[in-house]
């Protein structure tokens, strides 16, 4: 997984690309740390370039959600498509996250 952060007028956008797997634990927790220590009220996880995610990635997304709720950050998933979208919806992540196209 690779990621790139961009400042938005009302928060940050994180573009996640490639495969998001267990191996990306340390990398993803850089994003979680930004949520925990930052001042943004909105963080968009742009997954339009994410090609694959495994069950560990789902767990990391749950942790990010929990941290966002604790900090009162609006955490949004944007641009999911293909198999990534199928997995997120099958896992009922639409009940945890706001999804944007």
N, C-alpha and C. Protein backbone atom coordinates (compact mmCIF):
# COMPACT_ATOMS: atom_id res chain seq x y z
N UNK A 1 0.84 -1.18 0.00
CA UNK A 1 0.00 0.00 0.00
C UNK A 1 0.88 1.24 0.00
N UNK A 2 0.49 2.18 -0.78
CA UNK A 2 1.10 3.50 -0.76
C UNK A 2 0.01 4.49 -0.43
N UNK A 3 0.40 5.60 0.16
CA UNK A 3 -0.60 6.64 0.42
C UNK A 3 0.01 8.01 0.23
N UNK A 4 -0.89 8.94 -0.07
CA UNK A 4 -0.49 10.34 -0.26
C UNK A 4 -1.55 11.21 0.41
N UNK A 5 -1.12 12.11 1.29
CA UNK A 5 -2.04 13.01 1.98
C UNK A 5 -2.10 14.35 1.28
N UNK A 6 -3.31 14.87 1.21
CA UNK A 6 -3.55 16.18 0.62
C UNK A 6 -4.41 16.99 1.58
N UNK A 7 -4.06 18.24 1.76
CA UNK A 7 -4.89 19.12 2.58
C UNK A 7 -6.11 19.55 1.80
N UNK A 8 -7.24 19.53 2.47
CA UNK A 8 -8.49 20.04 1.93
C UNK A 8 -8.89 21.26 2.74
N UNK A 9 -9.85 22.00 2.23
CA UNK A 9 -10.33 23.17 2.96
C UNK A 9 -10.86 22.78 4.34
N UNK A 10 -11.50 21.63 4.41
CA UNK A 10 -12.13 21.23 5.66
C UNK A 10 -11.52 19.97 6.29
N UNK A 11 -10.29 19.62 5.91
CA UNK A 11 -9.66 18.44 6.50
C UNK A 11 -8.53 17.91 5.64
N UNK A 12 -8.41 16.59 5.58
CA UNK A 12 -7.37 15.94 4.78
C UNK A 12 -7.98 14.83 3.95
N UNK A 13 -7.35 14.58 2.80
CA UNK A 13 -7.69 13.42 1.99
C UNK A 13 -6.46 12.54 1.90
N UNK A 14 -6.67 11.24 2.08
CA UNK A 14 -5.59 10.27 2.00
C UNK A 14 -5.90 9.34 0.83
N UNK A 15 -5.07 9.41 -0.21
CA UNK A 15 -5.22 8.54 -1.37
C UNK A 15 -4.46 7.25 -1.08
N UNK A 16 -5.20 6.14 -1.03
CA UNK A 16 -4.60 4.83 -0.77
C UNK A 16 -4.54 4.08 -2.09
N UNK A 17 -3.35 3.57 -2.44
CA UNK A 17 -3.19 2.87 -3.71
C UNK A 17 -2.50 1.53 -3.51
N UNK A 18 -2.72 0.64 -4.48
CA UNK A 18 -2.11 -0.68 -4.44
C UNK A 18 -2.90 -1.65 -3.58
N UNK A 19 -2.21 -2.65 -3.07
CA UNK A 19 -2.81 -3.66 -2.20
C UNK A 19 -2.67 -3.24 -0.74
N UNK A 20 -3.75 -3.35 0.01
CA UNK A 20 -3.79 -2.97 1.42
C UNK A 20 -3.92 -4.26 2.21
N UNK A 21 -2.82 -4.68 2.85
CA UNK A 21 -2.77 -5.98 3.52
C UNK A 21 -2.11 -5.87 4.89
N UNK A 22 -1.99 -7.01 5.53
CA UNK A 22 -1.35 -7.10 6.84
C UNK A 22 0.03 -6.44 6.85
N UNK A 23 0.75 -6.57 5.77
CA UNK A 23 2.10 -5.98 5.68
C UNK A 23 2.09 -4.46 5.83
N UNK A 24 0.94 -3.84 5.65
CA UNK A 24 0.83 -2.38 5.68
C UNK A 24 0.45 -1.84 7.05
N UNK A 25 0.52 -2.66 8.05
CA UNK A 25 0.13 -2.27 9.41
C UNK A 25 0.83 -0.99 9.85
N UNK A 26 2.15 -0.97 9.79
CA UNK A 26 2.90 0.21 10.25
C UNK A 26 2.58 1.44 9.40
N UNK A 27 2.48 1.26 8.11
CA UNK A 27 2.19 2.37 7.21
C UNK A 27 0.81 2.95 7.50
N UNK A 28 -0.19 2.07 7.66
CA UNK A 28 -1.55 2.56 7.89
C UNK A 28 -1.64 3.27 9.24
N UNK A 29 -0.86 2.80 10.22
CA UNK A 29 -0.95 3.45 11.52
C UNK A 29 -0.34 4.84 11.54
N UNK A 30 0.39 5.22 10.49
CA UNK A 30 0.78 6.62 10.32
C UNK A 30 -0.47 7.46 10.06
N UNK A 31 -1.40 6.90 9.30
CA UNK A 31 -2.67 7.59 9.03
C UNK A 31 -3.51 7.65 10.30
N UNK A 32 -3.59 6.54 11.03
CA UNK A 32 -4.35 6.51 12.28
C UNK A 32 -3.77 7.51 13.28
N UNK A 33 -2.46 7.61 13.33
CA UNK A 33 -1.81 8.56 14.22
C UNK A 33 -2.19 9.99 13.85
N UNK A 34 -2.28 10.28 12.55
CA UNK A 34 -2.70 11.61 12.11
C UNK A 34 -4.12 11.89 12.59
N UNK A 35 -4.99 10.89 12.55
CA UNK A 35 -6.36 11.06 13.02
C UNK A 35 -6.36 11.34 14.52
N UNK A 36 -5.55 10.59 15.27
CA UNK A 36 -5.52 10.73 16.73
C UNK A 36 -4.92 12.05 17.19
N UNK A 37 -3.93 12.55 16.49
CA UNK A 37 -3.21 13.72 16.97
C UNK A 37 -3.50 14.99 16.18
N UNK A 38 -4.22 14.86 15.07
CA UNK A 38 -4.48 16.02 14.22
C UNK A 38 -5.67 16.82 14.69
N UNK A 39 -5.89 17.90 13.99
CA UNK A 39 -6.98 18.82 14.33
C UNK A 39 -8.07 18.81 13.27
N UNK A 40 -7.94 17.93 12.29
CA UNK A 40 -8.92 17.87 11.22
C UNK A 40 -10.25 17.35 11.76
N UNK A 41 -11.31 17.89 11.24
CA UNK A 41 -12.64 17.41 11.60
C UNK A 41 -13.20 16.46 10.55
N UNK A 42 -12.50 16.36 9.42
CA UNK A 42 -12.94 15.46 8.34
C UNK A 42 -11.70 14.86 7.69
N UNK A 43 -11.71 13.54 7.55
CA UNK A 43 -10.65 12.83 6.85
C UNK A 43 -11.31 11.92 5.83
N UNK A 44 -10.87 12.05 4.58
CA UNK A 44 -11.41 11.24 3.49
C UNK A 44 -10.35 10.21 3.10
N UNK A 45 -10.72 8.94 3.19
CA UNK A 45 -9.86 7.86 2.71
C UNK A 45 -10.27 7.58 1.27
N UNK A 46 -9.51 8.10 0.34
CA UNK A 46 -9.80 7.92 -1.09
C UNK A 46 -9.18 6.59 -1.52
N UNK A 47 -10.05 5.61 -1.76
CA UNK A 47 -9.59 4.26 -2.10
C UNK A 47 -9.81 3.95 -3.58
N UNK A 48 -9.88 4.99 -4.39
CA UNK A 48 -10.13 4.80 -5.83
C UNK A 48 -8.99 4.06 -6.52
N UNK A 49 -7.79 4.07 -5.93
CA UNK A 49 -6.65 3.37 -6.53
C UNK A 49 -6.25 2.14 -5.73
N UNK A 50 -7.06 1.75 -4.75
CA UNK A 50 -6.82 0.54 -3.97
C UNK A 50 -7.34 -0.65 -4.77
N UNK A 51 -6.47 -1.61 -5.02
CA UNK A 51 -6.82 -2.74 -5.88
C UNK A 51 -7.22 -3.99 -5.11
N UNK A 52 -6.79 -4.10 -3.85
CA UNK A 52 -7.04 -5.30 -3.06
C UNK A 52 -6.93 -4.95 -1.59
N UNK A 53 -7.75 -5.60 -0.76
CA UNK A 53 -7.57 -5.50 0.68
C UNK A 53 -7.91 -6.85 1.30
N UNK A 54 -7.22 -7.16 2.40
CA UNK A 54 -7.46 -8.43 3.08
C UNK A 54 -8.15 -8.19 4.42
N UNK A 55 -8.36 -9.25 5.18
CA UNK A 55 -9.08 -9.12 6.45
C UNK A 55 -8.32 -8.26 7.45
N UNK A 56 -7.00 -8.27 7.40
CA UNK A 56 -6.23 -7.40 8.29
C UNK A 56 -6.50 -5.93 7.97
N UNK A 57 -6.63 -5.61 6.70
CA UNK A 57 -6.95 -4.24 6.30
C UNK A 57 -8.33 -3.85 6.83
N UNK A 58 -9.27 -4.77 6.80
CA UNK A 58 -10.59 -4.48 7.36
C UNK A 58 -10.47 -4.15 8.85
N UNK A 59 -9.66 -4.92 9.56
CA UNK A 59 -9.45 -4.65 10.98
C UNK A 59 -8.82 -3.28 11.22
N UNK A 60 -7.88 -2.91 10.37
CA UNK A 60 -7.25 -1.60 10.51
C UNK A 60 -8.25 -0.49 10.24
N UNK A 61 -9.14 -0.70 9.29
CA UNK A 61 -10.17 0.30 9.01
C UNK A 61 -11.13 0.44 10.19
N UNK A 62 -11.41 -0.66 10.89
CA UNK A 62 -12.25 -0.59 12.10
C UNK A 62 -11.54 0.23 13.17
N UNK A 63 -10.25 0.01 13.35
CA UNK A 63 -9.48 0.78 14.34
C UNK A 63 -9.49 2.26 13.98
N UNK A 64 -9.30 2.57 12.70
CA UNK A 64 -9.34 3.98 12.26
C UNK A 64 -10.71 4.59 12.56
N UNK A 65 -11.75 3.84 12.31
CA UNK A 65 -13.11 4.31 12.60
C UNK A 65 -13.26 4.60 14.09
N UNK A 66 -12.81 3.69 14.93
CA UNK A 66 -12.93 3.88 16.38
C UNK A 66 -12.16 5.11 16.86
N UNK A 67 -10.98 5.32 16.32
CA UNK A 67 -10.19 6.50 16.69
C UNK A 67 -10.89 7.78 16.22
N UNK A 68 -11.46 7.72 15.03
CA UNK A 68 -12.16 8.90 14.50
C UNK A 68 -13.38 9.23 15.36
N UNK A 69 -14.12 8.22 15.77
CA UNK A 69 -15.28 8.46 16.64
C UNK A 69 -14.82 9.08 17.96
N UNK A 70 -13.75 8.57 18.53
CA UNK A 70 -13.24 9.09 19.80
C UNK A 70 -12.81 10.55 19.68
N UNK A 71 -12.27 10.94 18.53
CA UNK A 71 -11.80 12.31 18.31
C UNK A 71 -12.85 13.19 17.63
N UNK A 72 -14.04 12.63 17.39
CA UNK A 72 -15.12 13.35 16.71
C UNK A 72 -14.71 13.83 15.32
N UNK A 73 -14.02 12.94 14.61
CA UNK A 73 -13.59 13.20 13.24
C UNK A 73 -14.56 12.49 12.29
N UNK A 74 -15.03 13.19 11.27
CA UNK A 74 -15.86 12.58 10.25
C UNK A 74 -14.94 11.85 9.28
N UNK A 75 -14.93 10.52 9.35
CA UNK A 75 -14.06 9.69 8.51
C UNK A 75 -14.90 9.10 7.39
N UNK A 76 -14.51 9.37 6.15
CA UNK A 76 -15.28 9.01 4.97
C UNK A 76 -14.43 8.13 4.07
N UNK A 77 -15.06 7.13 3.45
CA UNK A 77 -14.39 6.34 2.43
C UNK A 77 -14.94 6.78 1.08
N UNK A 78 -14.02 7.04 0.16
CA UNK A 78 -14.39 7.58 -1.15
C UNK A 78 -13.82 6.71 -2.26
N UNK A 79 -14.60 6.59 -3.32
CA UNK A 79 -14.09 6.06 -4.58
C UNK A 79 -13.86 4.56 -4.65
N UNK A 80 -14.45 3.78 -3.74
CA UNK A 80 -14.21 2.33 -3.82
C UNK A 80 -14.87 1.76 -5.07
N UNK A 81 -14.22 0.74 -5.62
CA UNK A 81 -14.73 0.13 -6.84
C UNK A 81 -14.30 -1.33 -6.91
N UNK A 82 -14.92 -2.07 -7.77
CA UNK A 82 -14.54 -3.45 -8.02
C UNK A 82 -14.62 -4.34 -6.80
N UNK A 83 -13.61 -5.20 -6.67
CA UNK A 83 -13.58 -6.17 -5.57
C UNK A 83 -13.44 -5.51 -4.21
N UNK A 84 -12.75 -4.40 -4.15
CA UNK A 84 -12.62 -3.67 -2.89
C UNK A 84 -14.00 -3.22 -2.41
N UNK A 85 -14.79 -2.70 -3.31
CA UNK A 85 -16.15 -2.27 -2.97
C UNK A 85 -16.97 -3.47 -2.51
N UNK A 86 -16.87 -4.58 -3.24
CA UNK A 86 -17.61 -5.79 -2.87
C UNK A 86 -17.26 -6.26 -1.46
N UNK A 87 -15.98 -6.26 -1.13
CA UNK A 87 -15.54 -6.71 0.19
C UNK A 87 -16.05 -5.76 1.28
N UNK A 88 -15.92 -4.46 1.06
CA UNK A 88 -16.36 -3.50 2.07
C UNK A 88 -17.87 -3.58 2.32
N UNK A 89 -18.63 -3.74 1.26
CA UNK A 89 -20.08 -3.85 1.44
C UNK A 89 -20.47 -5.20 2.03
N UNK A 90 -19.79 -6.28 1.66
CA UNK A 90 -20.08 -7.59 2.23
C UNK A 90 -19.77 -7.61 3.73
N UNK A 91 -18.75 -6.86 4.13
CA UNK A 91 -18.38 -6.76 5.55
C UNK A 91 -19.22 -5.72 6.29
N UNK A 92 -20.16 -5.11 5.59
CA UNK A 92 -21.10 -4.14 6.16
C UNK A 92 -20.42 -2.85 6.64
N UNK A 93 -19.36 -2.47 5.97
CA UNK A 93 -18.67 -1.23 6.34
C UNK A 93 -19.51 0.00 6.03
N UNK A 94 -20.55 -0.18 5.23
CA UNK A 94 -21.45 0.95 4.98
C UNK A 94 -22.23 1.33 6.23
N UNK A 95 -22.21 0.47 7.27
CA UNK A 95 -22.85 0.83 8.53
C UNK A 95 -21.89 1.58 9.46
N UNK A 96 -20.58 1.50 9.18
CA UNK A 96 -19.58 2.21 9.98
C UNK A 96 -19.18 3.54 9.35
N UNK A 97 -19.07 3.53 8.05
CA UNK A 97 -18.52 4.67 7.31
C UNK A 97 -19.55 5.30 6.40
N UNK A 98 -19.34 6.57 6.16
CA UNK A 98 -20.05 7.26 5.08
C UNK A 98 -19.24 6.97 3.81
N UNK A 99 -19.91 6.55 2.75
CA UNK A 99 -19.25 6.28 1.47
C UNK A 99 -19.60 7.39 0.50
N UNK A 100 -18.60 7.83 -0.26
CA UNK A 100 -18.80 8.80 -1.34
C UNK A 100 -18.26 8.19 -2.62
N UNK A 101 -18.90 8.55 -3.73
CA UNK A 101 -18.42 8.07 -5.04
C UNK A 101 -17.28 8.88 -5.55
